[in-house]
Amino acid sequence: MMYEDSTVFDPIGILTAYEDAEGQAEHAIGSLGIDANGYLEIIDADAGREDLLQTLVERINDKAAIAVVEGGPAGQTFGTQVRSIPRGEASFPAALQEYVRTYYGVRLV
């Protein structure tokens, strides 16, 4: 896979993707490689979950940054702010994990 800077994907780690299906126990659905800039690539995927992981990877790799909501009392919307965390920033991997968990129901470990 080629990325914006025309380099070849060079993973620095492997993440296991766990799906948190409603009413069911969490289970592994595949493995993703992650490079130094937070780009993802599918290494393997369970049958029937390829489309979910492919969509996740394509959408995440299209993002230049991940937006996170910060501040405010728990359960309250006042006092919150949105912060953009660009690729390459030290906090990007943690923001990526939280984003994927929130919007895709997938935990990356």
PDB file of N, CA and C in Angstrom:
ATOM      1  N   MET A   1       0.843  -1.178   0.000  1.00  0.00           N
ATOM      2  CA  MET A   1       0.000   0.000   0.000  1.00  0.00           C
ATOM      3  C   MET A   1       0.885   1.237   0.000  1.00  0.00           C
ATOM      4  N   MET A   2       0.517   2.232  -0.770  1.00  0.00           N
ATOM      5  CA  MET A   2       1.287   3.476  -0.850  1.00  0.00           C
ATOM      6  C   MET A   2       0.557   4.564  -0.069  1.00  0.00           C
ATOM      7  N   TYR A   3       1.303   5.463   0.532  1.00  0.00           N
ATOM      8  CA  TYR A   3       0.729   6.532   1.330  1.00  0.00           C
ATOM      9  C   TYR A   3       1.120   7.877   0.756  1.00  0.00           C
ATOM     10  N   GLU A   4       0.648   8.963   1.383  1.00  0.00           N
ATOM     11  CA  GLU A   4       0.830  10.294   0.830  1.00  0.00           C
ATOM     12  C   GLU A   4       2.261  10.614   0.447  1.00  0.00           C
ATOM     13  N   ASP A   5       3.231  10.154   1.195  1.00  0.00           N
ATOM     14  CA  ASP A   5       4.614  10.487   0.872  1.00  0.00           C
ATOM     15  C   ASP A   5       5.256   9.447  -0.048  1.00  0.00           C
ATOM     16  N   SER A   6       4.447   8.584  -0.653  1.00  0.00           N
ATOM     17  CA  SER A   6       4.865   7.574  -1.632  1.00  0.00           C
ATOM     18  C   SER A   6       5.849   6.548  -1.071  1.00  0.00           C
ATOM     19  N   THR A   7       5.799   6.320   0.221  1.00  0.00           N
ATOM     20  CA  THR A   7       6.647   5.291   0.802  1.00  0.00           C
ATOM     21  C   THR A   7       5.860   3.996   0.920  1.00  0.00           C
ATOM     22  N   VAL A   8       6.583   2.913   1.038  1.00  0.00           N
ATOM     23  CA  VAL A   8       5.957   1.614   1.221  1.00  0.00           C
ATOM     24  C   VAL A   8       5.642   1.445   2.698  1.00  0.00           C
ATOM     25  N   PHE A   9       4.536   0.789   3.006  1.00  0.00           N
ATOM     26  CA  PHE A   9       4.136   0.567   4.390  1.00  0.00           C
ATOM     27  C   PHE A   9       5.221  -0.195   5.136  1.00  0.00           C
ATOM     28  N   ASP A  10       5.675   0.353   6.257  1.00  0.00           N
ATOM     29  CA  ASP A  10       6.731  -0.240   7.066  1.00  0.00           C
ATOM     30  C   ASP A  10       6.236  -0.296   8.517  1.00  0.00           C
ATOM     31  N   PRO A  11       5.591  -1.409   8.908  1.00  0.00           N
ATOM     32  CA  PRO A  11       5.005  -1.461  10.255  1.00  0.00           C
ATOM     33  C   PRO A  11       6.047  -1.456  11.362  1.00  0.00           C
ATOM     34  N   ILE A  12       5.694  -0.754  12.438  1.00  0.00           N
ATOM     35  CA  ILE A  12       6.544  -0.762  13.627  1.00  0.00           C
ATOM     36  C   ILE A  12       5.906  -1.610  14.719  1.00  0.00           C
ATOM     37  N   GLY A  13       4.688  -2.072  14.468  1.00  0.00           N
ATOM     38  CA  GLY A  13       3.996  -2.889  15.452  1.00  0.00           C
ATOM     39  C   GLY A  13       2.789  -3.564  14.849  1.00  0.00           C
ATOM     40  N   ILE A  14       2.275  -4.533  15.574  1.00  0.00           N
ATOM     41  CA  ILE A  14       1.090  -5.278  15.175  1.00  0.00           C
ATOM     42  C   ILE A  14       0.032  -5.064  16.254  1.00  0.00           C
ATOM     43  N   LEU A  15      -1.174  -4.713  15.836  1.00  0.00           N
ATOM     44  CA  LEU A  15      -2.292  -4.539  16.757  1.00  0.00           C
ATOM     45  C   LEU A  15      -3.315  -5.631  16.492  1.00  0.00           C
ATOM     46  N   THR A  16      -3.833  -6.221  17.543  1.00  0.00           N
ATOM     47  CA  THR A  16      -4.925  -7.170  17.400  1.00  0.00           C
ATOM     48  C   THR A  16      -6.226  -6.396  17.537  1.00  0.00           C
ATOM     49  N   ALA A  17      -7.158  -6.661  16.626  1.00  0.00           N
ATOM     50  CA  ALA A  17      -8.452  -5.988  16.641  1.00  0.00           C
ATOM     51  C   ALA A  17      -9.468  -6.899  17.320  1.00  0.00           C
ATOM     52  N   TYR A  18     -10.118  -6.375  18.348  1.00  0.00           N
ATOM     53  CA  TYR A  18     -11.153  -7.108  19.071  1.00  0.00           C
ATOM     54  C   TYR A  18     -12.474  -6.403  18.848  1.00  0.00           C
ATOM     55  N   GLU A  19     -13.501  -7.171  18.504  1.00  0.00           N
ATOM     56  CA  GLU A  19     -14.822  -6.596  18.309  1.00  0.00           C
ATOM     57  C   GLU A  19     -15.631  -6.776  19.583  1.00  0.00           C
ATOM     58  N   ASP A  20     -16.276  -5.706  19.967  1.00  0.00           N
ATOM     59  CA  ASP A  20     -17.106  -5.698  21.163  1.00  0.00           C
ATOM     60  C   ASP A  20     -18.560  -5.770  20.712  1.00  0.00           C
ATOM     61  N   ALA A  21     -18.984  -6.955  20.263  1.00  0.00           N
ATOM     62  CA  ALA A  21     -20.342  -7.136  19.753  1.00  0.00           C
ATOM     63  C   ALA A  21     -21.336  -7.033  20.906  1.00  0.00           C
ATOM     64  N   GLU A  22     -22.408  -6.322  20.669  1.00  0.00           N
ATOM     65  CA  GLU A  22     -23.397  -6.095  21.717  1.00  0.00           C
ATOM     66  C   GLU A  22     -23.980  -7.415  22.210  1.00  0.00           C
ATOM     67  N   GLY A  23     -23.937  -7.610  23.516  1.00  0.00           N
ATOM     68  CA  GLY A  23     -24.490  -8.810  24.119  1.00  0.00           C
ATOM     69  C   GLY A  23     -23.621 -10.044  23.992  1.00  0.00           C
ATOM     70  N   GLN A  24     -22.424  -9.886  23.440  1.00  0.00           N
ATOM     71  CA  GLN A  24     -21.522 -11.028  23.277  1.00  0.00           C
ATOM     72  C   GLN A  24     -20.170 -10.689  23.884  1.00  0.00           C
ATOM     73  N   ALA A  25     -19.405 -11.729  24.139  1.00  0.00           N
ATOM     74  CA  ALA A  25     -18.055 -11.522  24.658  1.00  0.00           C
ATOM     75  C   ALA A  25     -17.171 -10.949  23.551  1.00  0.00           C
ATOM     76  N   GLU A  26     -16.236 -10.116  23.932  1.00  0.00           N
ATOM     77  CA  GLU A  26     -15.276  -9.546  22.996  1.00  0.00           C
ATOM     78  C   GLU A  26     -14.436 -10.670  22.393  1.00  0.00           C
ATOM     79  N   HIS A  27     -14.151 -10.572  21.084  1.00  0.00           N
ATOM     80  CA  HIS A  27     -13.344 -11.604  20.439  1.00  0.00           C
ATOM     81  C   HIS A  27     -12.467 -10.984  19.349  1.00  0.00           C
ATOM     82  N   ALA A  28     -11.312 -11.624  19.101  1.00  0.00           N
ATOM     83  CA  ALA A  28     -10.372 -11.133  18.090  1.00  0.00           C
ATOM     84  C   ALA A  28     -10.966 -11.318  16.698  1.00  0.00           C
ATOM     85  N   ILE A  29     -10.831 -10.283  15.859  1.00  0.00           N
ATOM     86  CA  ILE A  29     -11.343 -10.368  14.490  1.00  0.00           C
ATOM     87  C   ILE A  29     -10.255 -10.156  13.446  1.00  0.00           C
ATOM     88  N   GLY A  30      -9.024  -9.887  13.874  1.00  0.00           N
ATOM     89  CA  GLY A  30      -7.943  -9.715  12.910  1.00  0.00           C
ATOM     90  C   GLY A  30      -6.748  -9.024  13.514  1.00  0.00           C
ATOM     91  N   SER A  31      -5.739  -8.820  12.652  1.00  0.00           N
ATOM     92  CA  SER A  31      -4.514  -8.136  13.053  1.00  0.00           C
ATOM     93  C   SER A  31      -4.223  -7.017  12.067  1.00  0.00           C
ATOM     94  N   LEU A  32      -3.774  -5.877  12.599  1.00  0.00           N
ATOM     95  CA  LEU A  32      -3.429  -4.725  11.781  1.00  0.00           C
ATOM     96  C   LEU A  32      -1.996  -4.318  12.068  1.00  0.00           C
ATOM     97  N   GLY A  33      -1.263  -3.972  11.022  1.00  0.00           N
ATOM     98  CA  GLY A  33       0.053  -3.383  11.197  1.00  0.00           C
ATOM     99  C   GLY A  33      -0.126  -1.884  11.348  1.00  0.00           C
ATOM    100  N   ILE A  34       0.733  -1.253  12.135  1.00  0.00           N
ATOM    101  CA  ILE A  34       0.705   0.203  12.294  1.00  0.00           C
ATOM    102  C   ILE A  34       2.111   0.727  12.061  1.00  0.00           C
ATOM    103  N   ASP A  35       2.216   1.820  11.279  1.00  0.00           N
ATOM    104  CA  ASP A  35       3.543   2.375  11.028  1.00  0.00           C
ATOM    105  C   ASP A  35       3.799   3.571  11.945  1.00  0.00           C
ATOM    106  N   ALA A  36       4.965   4.176  11.801  1.00  0.00           N
ATOM    107  CA  ALA A  36       5.386   5.257  12.690  1.00  0.00           C
ATOM    108  C   ALA A  36       4.463   6.478  12.638  1.00  0.00           C
ATOM    109  N   ASN A  37       3.713   6.642  11.553  1.00  0.00           N
ATOM    110  CA  ASN A  37       2.811   7.779  11.429  1.00  0.00           C
ATOM    111  C   ASN A  37       1.365   7.429  11.741  1.00  0.00           C
ATOM    112  N   GLY A  38       1.124   6.205  12.207  1.00  0.00           N
ATOM    113  CA  GLY A  38      -0.217   5.797  12.582  1.00  0.00           C
ATOM    114  C   GLY A  38      -1.065   5.258  11.447  1.00  0.00           C
ATOM    115  N   TYR A  39      -0.457   5.023  10.283  1.00  0.00           N
ATOM    116  CA  TYR A  39      -1.207   4.400   9.187  1.00  0.00           C
ATOM    117  C   TYR A  39      -1.354   2.918   9.480  1.00  0.00           C
ATOM    118  N   LEU A  40      -2.504   2.376   9.093  1.00  0.00           N
ATOM    119  CA  LEU A  40      -2.827   0.982   9.360  1.00  0.00           C
ATOM    120  C   LEU A  40      -2.868   0.170   8.080  1.00  0.00           C
ATOM    121  N   GLU A  41      -2.617  -1.127   8.207  1.00  0.00           N
ATOM    122  CA  GLU A  41      -2.755  -2.061   7.102  1.00  0.00           C
ATOM    123  C   GLU A  41      -3.212  -3.399   7.670  1.00  0.00           C
ATOM    124  N   ILE A  42      -4.139  -4.043   6.982  1.00  0.00           N
ATOM    125  CA  ILE A  42      -4.638  -5.341   7.437  1.00  0.00           C
ATOM    126  C   ILE A  42      -3.577  -6.407   7.206  1.00  0.00           C
ATOM    127  N   ILE A  43      -3.302  -7.171   8.248  1.00  0.00           N
ATOM    128  CA  ILE A  43      -2.399  -8.313   8.132  1.00  0.00           C
ATOM    129  C   ILE A  43      -3.224  -9.570   7.933  1.00  0.00           C
ATOM    130  N   ASP A  44      -4.237  -9.733   8.756  1.00  0.00           N
ATOM    131  CA  ASP A  44      -5.196 -10.818   8.563  1.00  0.00           C
ATOM    132  C   ASP A  44      -6.528 -10.415   9.187  1.00  0.00           C
ATOM    133  N   ALA A  45      -7.595 -11.038   8.679  1.00  0.00           N
ATOM    134  CA  ALA A  45      -8.937 -10.729   9.176  1.00  0.00           C
ATOM    135  C   ALA A  45      -9.771 -11.998   9.179  1.00  0.00           C
ATOM    136  N   ASP A  46     -10.612 -12.124  10.196  1.00  0.00           N
ATOM    137  CA  ASP A  46     -11.531 -13.260  10.257  1.00  0.00           C
ATOM    138  C   ASP A  46     -12.518 -13.182   9.104  1.00  0.00           C
ATOM    139  N   ALA A  47     -12.926 -14.344   8.643  1.00  0.00           N
ATOM    140  CA  ALA A  47     -13.949 -14.413   7.597  1.00  0.00           C
ATOM    141  C   ALA A  47     -15.189 -13.666   8.067  1.00  0.00           C
ATOM    142  N   GLY A  48     -15.728 -12.843   7.232  1.00  0.00           N
ATOM    143  CA  GLY A  48     -16.916 -12.079   7.576  1.00  0.00           C
ATOM    144  C   GLY A  48     -16.624 -10.735   8.219  1.00  0.00           C
ATOM    145  N   ARG A  49     -15.379 -10.463   8.600  1.00  0.00           N
ATOM    146  CA  ARG A  49     -15.035  -9.189   9.237  1.00  0.00           C
ATOM    147  C   ARG A  49     -14.074  -8.370   8.367  1.00  0.00           C
ATOM    148  N   GLU A  50     -13.729  -8.921   7.182  1.00  0.00           N
ATOM    149  CA  GLU A  50     -12.798  -8.220   6.292  1.00  0.00           C
ATOM    150  C   GLU A  50     -13.324  -6.841   5.914  1.00  0.00           C
ATOM    151  N   ASP A  51     -14.637  -6.756   5.587  1.00  0.00           N
ATOM    152  CA  ASP A  51     -15.214  -5.487   5.165  1.00  0.00           C
ATOM    153  C   ASP A  51     -15.149  -4.438   6.277  1.00  0.00           C
ATOM    154  N   LEU A  52     -15.443  -4.842   7.506  1.00  0.00           N
ATOM    155  CA  LEU A  52     -15.367  -3.919   8.636  1.00  0.00           C
ATOM    156  C   LEU A  52     -13.948  -3.381   8.785  1.00  0.00           C
ATOM    157  N   LEU A  53     -12.972  -4.284   8.793  1.00  0.00           N
ATOM    158  CA  LEU A  53     -11.586  -3.847   8.971  1.00  0.00           C
ATOM    159  C   LEU A  53     -11.096  -3.025   7.783  1.00  0.00           C
ATOM    160  N   GLN A  54     -11.489  -3.386   6.559  1.00  0.00           N
ATOM    161  CA  GLN A  54     -11.083  -2.624   5.384  1.00  0.00           C
ATOM    162  C   GLN A  54     -11.643  -1.205   5.436  1.00  0.00           C
ATOM    163  N   THR A  55     -12.906  -1.075   5.804  1.00  0.00           N
ATOM    164  CA  THR A  55     -13.526   0.246   5.936  1.00  0.00           C
ATOM    165  C   THR A  55     -12.816   1.061   7.012  1.00  0.00           C
ATOM    166  N   LEU A  56     -12.572   0.428   8.162  1.00  0.00           N
ATOM    167  CA  LEU A  56     -11.879   1.091   9.263  1.00  0.00           C
ATOM    168  C   LEU A  56     -10.519   1.600   8.809  1.00  0.00           C
ATOM    169  N   VAL A  57      -9.723   0.734   8.172  1.00  0.00           N
ATOM    170  CA  VAL A  57      -8.375   1.102   7.730  1.00  0.00           C
ATOM    171  C   VAL A  57      -8.429   2.239   6.709  1.00  0.00           C
ATOM    172  N   GLU A  58      -9.306   2.144   5.723  1.00  0.00           N
ATOM    173  CA  GLU A  58      -9.401   3.185   4.697  1.00  0.00           C
ATOM    174  C   GLU A  58      -9.778   4.530   5.307  1.00  0.00           C
ATOM    175  N   ARG A  59     -10.756   4.531   6.185  1.00  0.00           N
ATOM    176  CA  ARG A  59     -11.213   5.793   6.775  1.00  0.00           C
ATOM    177  C   ARG A  59     -10.168   6.400   7.707  1.00  0.00           C
ATOM    178  N   ILE A  60      -9.533   5.567   8.513  1.00  0.00           N
ATOM    179  CA  ILE A  60      -8.499   6.076   9.422  1.00  0.00           C
ATOM    180  C   ILE A  60      -7.298   6.583   8.637  1.00  0.00           C
ATOM    181  N   ASN A  61      -6.883   5.847   7.607  1.00  0.00           N
ATOM    182  CA  ASN A  61      -5.725   6.260   6.819  1.00  0.00           C
ATOM    183  C   ASN A  61      -5.988   7.540   6.024  1.00  0.00           C
ATOM    184  N   ASP A  62      -7.248   7.879   5.778  1.00  0.00           N
ATOM    185  CA  ASP A  62      -7.593   9.118   5.087  1.00  0.00           C
ATOM    186  C   ASP A  62      -7.524  10.337   5.995  1.00  0.00           C
ATOM    187  N   LYS A  63      -7.462  10.119   7.288  1.00  0.00           N
ATOM    188  CA  LYS A  63      -7.462  11.228   8.245  1.00  0.00           C
ATOM    189  C   LYS A  63      -6.038  11.749   8.467  1.00  0.00           C
ATOM    190  N   ALA A  64      -5.892  13.064   8.429  1.00  0.00           N
ATOM    191  CA  ALA A  64      -4.608  13.683   8.739  1.00  0.00           C
ATOM    192  C   ALA A  64      -4.434  13.831  10.246  1.00  0.00           C
ATOM    193  N   ALA A  65      -5.559  13.782  10.957  1.00  0.00           N
ATOM    194  CA  ALA A  65      -5.547  13.950  12.412  1.00  0.00           C
ATOM    195  C   ALA A  65      -6.787  13.275  12.987  1.00  0.00           C
ATOM    196  N   ILE A  66      -6.744  13.029  14.286  1.00  0.00           N
ATOM    197  CA  ILE A  66      -7.886  12.473  15.007  1.00  0.00           C
ATOM    198  C   ILE A  66      -8.380  13.558  15.961  1.00  0.00           C
ATOM    199  N   ALA A  67      -9.684  13.794  15.961  1.00  0.00           N
ATOM    200  CA  ALA A  67     -10.270  14.782  16.865  1.00  0.00           C
ATOM    201  C   ALA A  67     -10.698  14.089  18.152  1.00  0.00           C
ATOM    202  N   VAL A  68     -10.317  14.658  19.281  1.00  0.00           N
ATOM    203  CA  VAL A  68     -10.709  14.126  20.584  1.00  0.00           C
ATOM    204  C   VAL A  68     -11.418  15.217  21.382  1.00  0.00           C
ATOM    205  N   VAL A  69     -12.399  14.791  22.174  1.00  0.00           N
ATOM    206  CA  VAL A  69     -13.134  15.715  23.035  1.00  0.00           C
ATOM    207  C   VAL A  69     -12.476  15.672  24.410  1.00  0.00           C
ATOM    208  N   GLU A  70     -12.184  16.845  24.934  1.00  0.00           N
ATOM    209  CA  GLU A  70     -11.502  16.935  26.229  1.00  0.00           C
ATOM    210  C   GLU A  70     -12.242  17.883  27.159  1.00  0.00           C
ATOM    211  N   GLY A  71     -12.007  17.680  28.453  1.00  0.00           N
ATOM    212  CA  GLY A  71     -12.506  18.602  29.466  1.00  0.00           C
ATOM    213  C   GLY A  71     -13.963  18.402  29.819  1.00  0.00           C
ATOM    214  N   GLY A  72     -14.417  19.238  30.718  1.00  0.00           N
ATOM    215  CA  GLY A  72     -15.803  19.179  31.177  1.00  0.00           C
ATOM    216  C   GLY A  72     -16.025  18.056  32.163  1.00  0.00           C
ATOM    217  N   PRO A  73     -17.010  18.212  33.051  1.00  0.00           N
ATOM    218  CA  PRO A  73     -17.333  17.164  34.013  1.00  0.00           C
ATOM    219  C   PRO A  73     -17.848  15.908  33.308  1.00  0.00           C
ATOM    220  N   ALA A  74     -17.622  14.764  33.888  1.00  0.00           N
ATOM    221  CA  ALA A  74     -18.082  13.501  33.320  1.00  0.00           C
ATOM    222  C   ALA A  74     -19.578  13.548  33.040  1.00  0.00           C
ATOM    223  N   GLY A  75     -19.962  13.150  31.851  1.00  0.00           N
ATOM    224  CA  GLY A  75     -21.370  13.120  31.482  1.00  0.00           C
ATOM    225  C   GLY A  75     -21.960  14.470  31.093  1.00  0.00           C
ATOM    226  N   GLN A  76     -21.171  15.520  31.119  1.00  0.00           N
ATOM    227  CA  GLN A  76     -21.643  16.862  30.781  1.00  0.00           C
ATOM    228  C   GLN A  76     -20.980  17.346  29.498  1.00  0.00           C
ATOM    229  N   THR A  77     -21.691  18.143  28.723  1.00  0.00           N
ATOM    230  CA  THR A  77     -21.123  18.671  27.494  1.00  0.00           C
ATOM    231  C   THR A  77     -20.539  20.068  27.653  1.00  0.00           C
ATOM    232  N   PHE A  78     -20.935  20.796  28.707  1.00  0.00           N
ATOM    233  CA  PHE A  78     -20.374  22.135  28.879  1.00  0.00           C
ATOM    234  C   PHE A  78     -18.922  22.039  29.332  1.00  0.00           C
ATOM    235  N   GLY A  79     -18.153  22.972  28.888  1.00  0.00           N
ATOM    236  CA  GLY A  79     -16.743  22.997  29.276  1.00  0.00           C
ATOM    237  C   GLY A  79     -15.872  22.064  28.451  1.00  0.00           C
ATOM    238  N   THR A  80     -16.443  21.413  27.458  1.00  0.00           N
ATOM    239  CA  THR A  80     -15.633  20.523  26.630  1.00  0.00           C
ATOM    240  C   THR A  80     -15.057  21.280  25.447  1.00  0.00           C
ATOM    241  N   GLN A  81     -13.993  20.749  24.903  1.00  0.00           N
ATOM    242  CA  GLN A  81     -13.400  21.303  23.700  1.00  0.00           C
ATOM    243  C   GLN A  81     -12.885  20.151  22.839  1.00  0.00           C
ATOM    244  N   VAL A  82     -12.794  20.403  21.559  1.00  0.00           N
ATOM    245  CA  VAL A  82     -12.285  19.397  20.636  1.00  0.00           C
ATOM    246  C   VAL A  82     -10.862  19.778  20.280  1.00  0.00           C
ATOM    247  N   ARG A  83      -9.973  18.792  20.380  1.00  0.00           N
ATOM    248  CA  ARG A  83      -8.563  19.007  20.032  1.00  0.00           C
ATOM    249  C   ARG A  83      -8.203  18.066  18.897  1.00  0.00           C
ATOM    250  N   SER A  84      -7.491  18.573  17.928  1.00  0.00           N
ATOM    251  CA  SER A  84      -7.043  17.784  16.791  1.00  0.00           C
ATOM    252  C   SER A  84      -5.629  17.278  17.065  1.00  0.00           C
ATOM    253  N   ILE A  85      -5.449  15.958  16.950  1.00  0.00           N
ATOM    254  CA  ILE A  85      -4.130  15.355  17.185  1.00  0.00           C
ATOM    255  C   ILE A  85      -3.602  14.836  15.842  1.00  0.00           C
ATOM    256  N   PRO A  86      -2.587  15.497  15.280  1.00  0.00           N
ATOM    257  CA  PRO A  86      -2.075  15.105  13.970  1.00  0.00           C
ATOM    258  C   PRO A  86      -1.232  13.828  14.032  1.00  0.00           C
ATOM    259  N   ARG A  87      -1.149  13.164  12.888  1.00  0.00           N
ATOM    260  CA  ARG A  87      -0.285  11.980  12.769  1.00  0.00           C
ATOM    261  C   ARG A  87       1.134  12.353  13.162  1.00  0.00           C
ATOM    262  N   GLY A  88       1.821  11.442  13.793  1.00  0.00           N
ATOM    263  CA  GLY A  88       3.197  11.675  14.201  1.00  0.00           C
ATOM    264  C   GLY A  88       3.327  12.242  15.601  1.00  0.00           C
ATOM    265  N   GLU A  89       2.249  12.841  16.142  1.00  0.00           N
ATOM    266  CA  GLU A  89       2.295  13.357  17.514  1.00  0.00           C
ATOM    267  C   GLU A  89       2.283  12.170  18.476  1.00  0.00           C
ATOM    268  N   ALA A  90       2.971  12.296  19.584  1.00  0.00           N
ATOM    269  CA  ALA A  90       3.114  11.193  20.543  1.00  0.00           C
ATOM    270  C   ALA A  90       1.769  10.647  21.028  1.00  0.00           C
ATOM    271  N   SER A  91       0.758  11.492  21.131  1.00  0.00           N
ATOM    272  CA  SER A  91      -0.536  11.038  21.640  1.00  0.00           C
ATOM    273  C   SER A  91      -1.453  10.480  20.540  1.00  0.00           C
ATOM    274  N   PHE A  92      -0.990  10.452  19.278  1.00  0.00           N
ATOM    275  CA  PHE A  92      -1.831   9.966  18.184  1.00  0.00           C
ATOM    276  C   PHE A  92      -2.257   8.509  18.358  1.00  0.00           C
ATOM    277  N   PRO A  93      -1.354   7.573  18.700  1.00  0.00           N
ATOM    278  CA  PRO A  93      -1.795   6.173  18.843  1.00  0.00           C
ATOM    279  C   PRO A  93      -2.913   5.988  19.876  1.00  0.00           C
ATOM    280  N   ALA A  94      -2.822   6.657  21.007  1.00  0.00           N
ATOM    281  CA  ALA A  94      -3.873   6.543  22.027  1.00  0.00           C
ATOM    282  C   ALA A  94      -5.181   7.142  21.515  1.00  0.00           C
ATOM    283  N   ALA A  95      -5.103   8.278  20.811  1.00  0.00           N
ATOM    284  CA  ALA A  95      -6.301   8.901  20.241  1.00  0.00           C
ATOM    285  C   ALA A  95      -6.915   7.988  19.178  1.00  0.00           C
ATOM    286  N   LEU A  96      -6.077   7.356  18.388  1.00  0.00           N
ATOM    287  CA  LEU A  96      -6.532   6.416  17.365  1.00  0.00           C
ATOM    288  C   LEU A  96      -7.286   5.256  18.001  1.00  0.00           C
ATOM    289  N   GLN A  97      -6.724   4.686  19.058  1.00  0.00           N
ATOM    290  CA  GLN A  97      -7.375   3.572  19.739  1.00  0.00           C
ATOM    291  C   GLN A  97      -8.739   3.975  20.291  1.00  0.00           C
ATOM    292  N   GLU A  98      -8.811   5.138  20.913  1.00  0.00           N
ATOM    293  CA  GLU A  98     -10.080   5.610  21.483  1.00  0.00           C
ATOM    294  C   GLU A  98     -11.095   5.892  20.381  1.00  0.00           C
ATOM    295  N   TYR A  99     -10.662   6.505  19.297  1.00  0.00           N
ATOM    296  CA  TYR A  99     -11.544   6.819  18.177  1.00  0.00           C
ATOM    297  C   TYR A  99     -12.134   5.545  17.575  1.00  0.00           C
ATOM    298  N   VAL A 100     -11.287   4.555  17.330  1.00  0.00           N
ATOM    299  CA  VAL A 100     -11.735   3.296  16.729  1.00  0.00           C
ATOM    300  C   VAL A 100     -12.690   2.564  17.661  1.00  0.00           C
ATOM    301  N   ARG A 101     -12.415   2.598  18.946  1.00  0.00           N
ATOM    302  CA  ARG A 101     -13.300   1.953  19.927  1.00  0.00           C
ATOM    303  C   ARG A 101     -14.666   2.643  19.955  1.00  0.00           C
ATOM    304  N   THR A 102     -14.652   3.972  19.944  1.00  0.00           N
ATOM    305  CA  THR A 102     -15.888   4.745  20.018  1.00  0.00           C
ATOM    306  C   THR A 102     -16.742   4.608  18.763  1.00  0.00           C
ATOM    307  N   TYR A 103     -16.130   4.735  17.593  1.00  0.00           N
ATOM    308  CA  TYR A 103     -16.897   4.802  16.354  1.00  0.00           C
ATOM    309  C   TYR A 103     -17.054   3.480  15.609  1.00  0.00           C
ATOM    310  N   TYR A 104     -16.221   2.494  15.924  1.00  0.00           N
ATOM    311  CA  TYR A 104     -16.305   1.212  15.212  1.00  0.00           C
ATOM    312  C   TYR A 104     -16.569   0.017  16.139  1.00  0.00           C
ATOM    313  N   GLY A 105     -16.537   0.235  17.440  1.00  0.00           N
ATOM    314  CA  GLY A 105     -16.742  -0.863  18.372  1.00  0.00           C
ATOM    315  C   GLY A 105     -15.623  -1.878  18.320  1.00  0.00           C
ATOM    316  N   VAL A 106     -14.432  -1.401  17.946  1.00  0.00           N
ATOM    317  CA  VAL A 106     -13.268  -2.280  17.811  1.00  0.00           C
ATOM    318  C   VAL A 106     -12.174  -1.763  18.741  1.00  0.00           C
ATOM    319  N   ARG A 107     -11.613  -2.669  19.522  1.00  0.00           N
ATOM    320  CA  ARG A 107     -10.509  -2.323  20.420  1.00  0.00           C
ATOM    321  C   ARG A 107      -9.224  -2.791  19.788  1.00  0.00           C
ATOM    322  N   LEU A 108      -8.242  -1.894  19.662  1.00  0.00           N
ATOM    323  CA  LEU A 108      -6.936  -2.224  19.104  1.00  0.00           C
ATOM    324  C   LEU A 108      -5.922  -2.315  20.225  1.00  0.00           C
ATOM    325  N   VAL A 109      -5.271  -3.467  20.328  1.00  0.00           N
ATOM    326  CA  VAL A 109      -4.287  -3.694  21.385  1.00  0.00           C
ATOM    327  C   VAL A 109      -3.015  -4.219  20.763  1.00  0.00           C
TER     328      VAL A 109
END
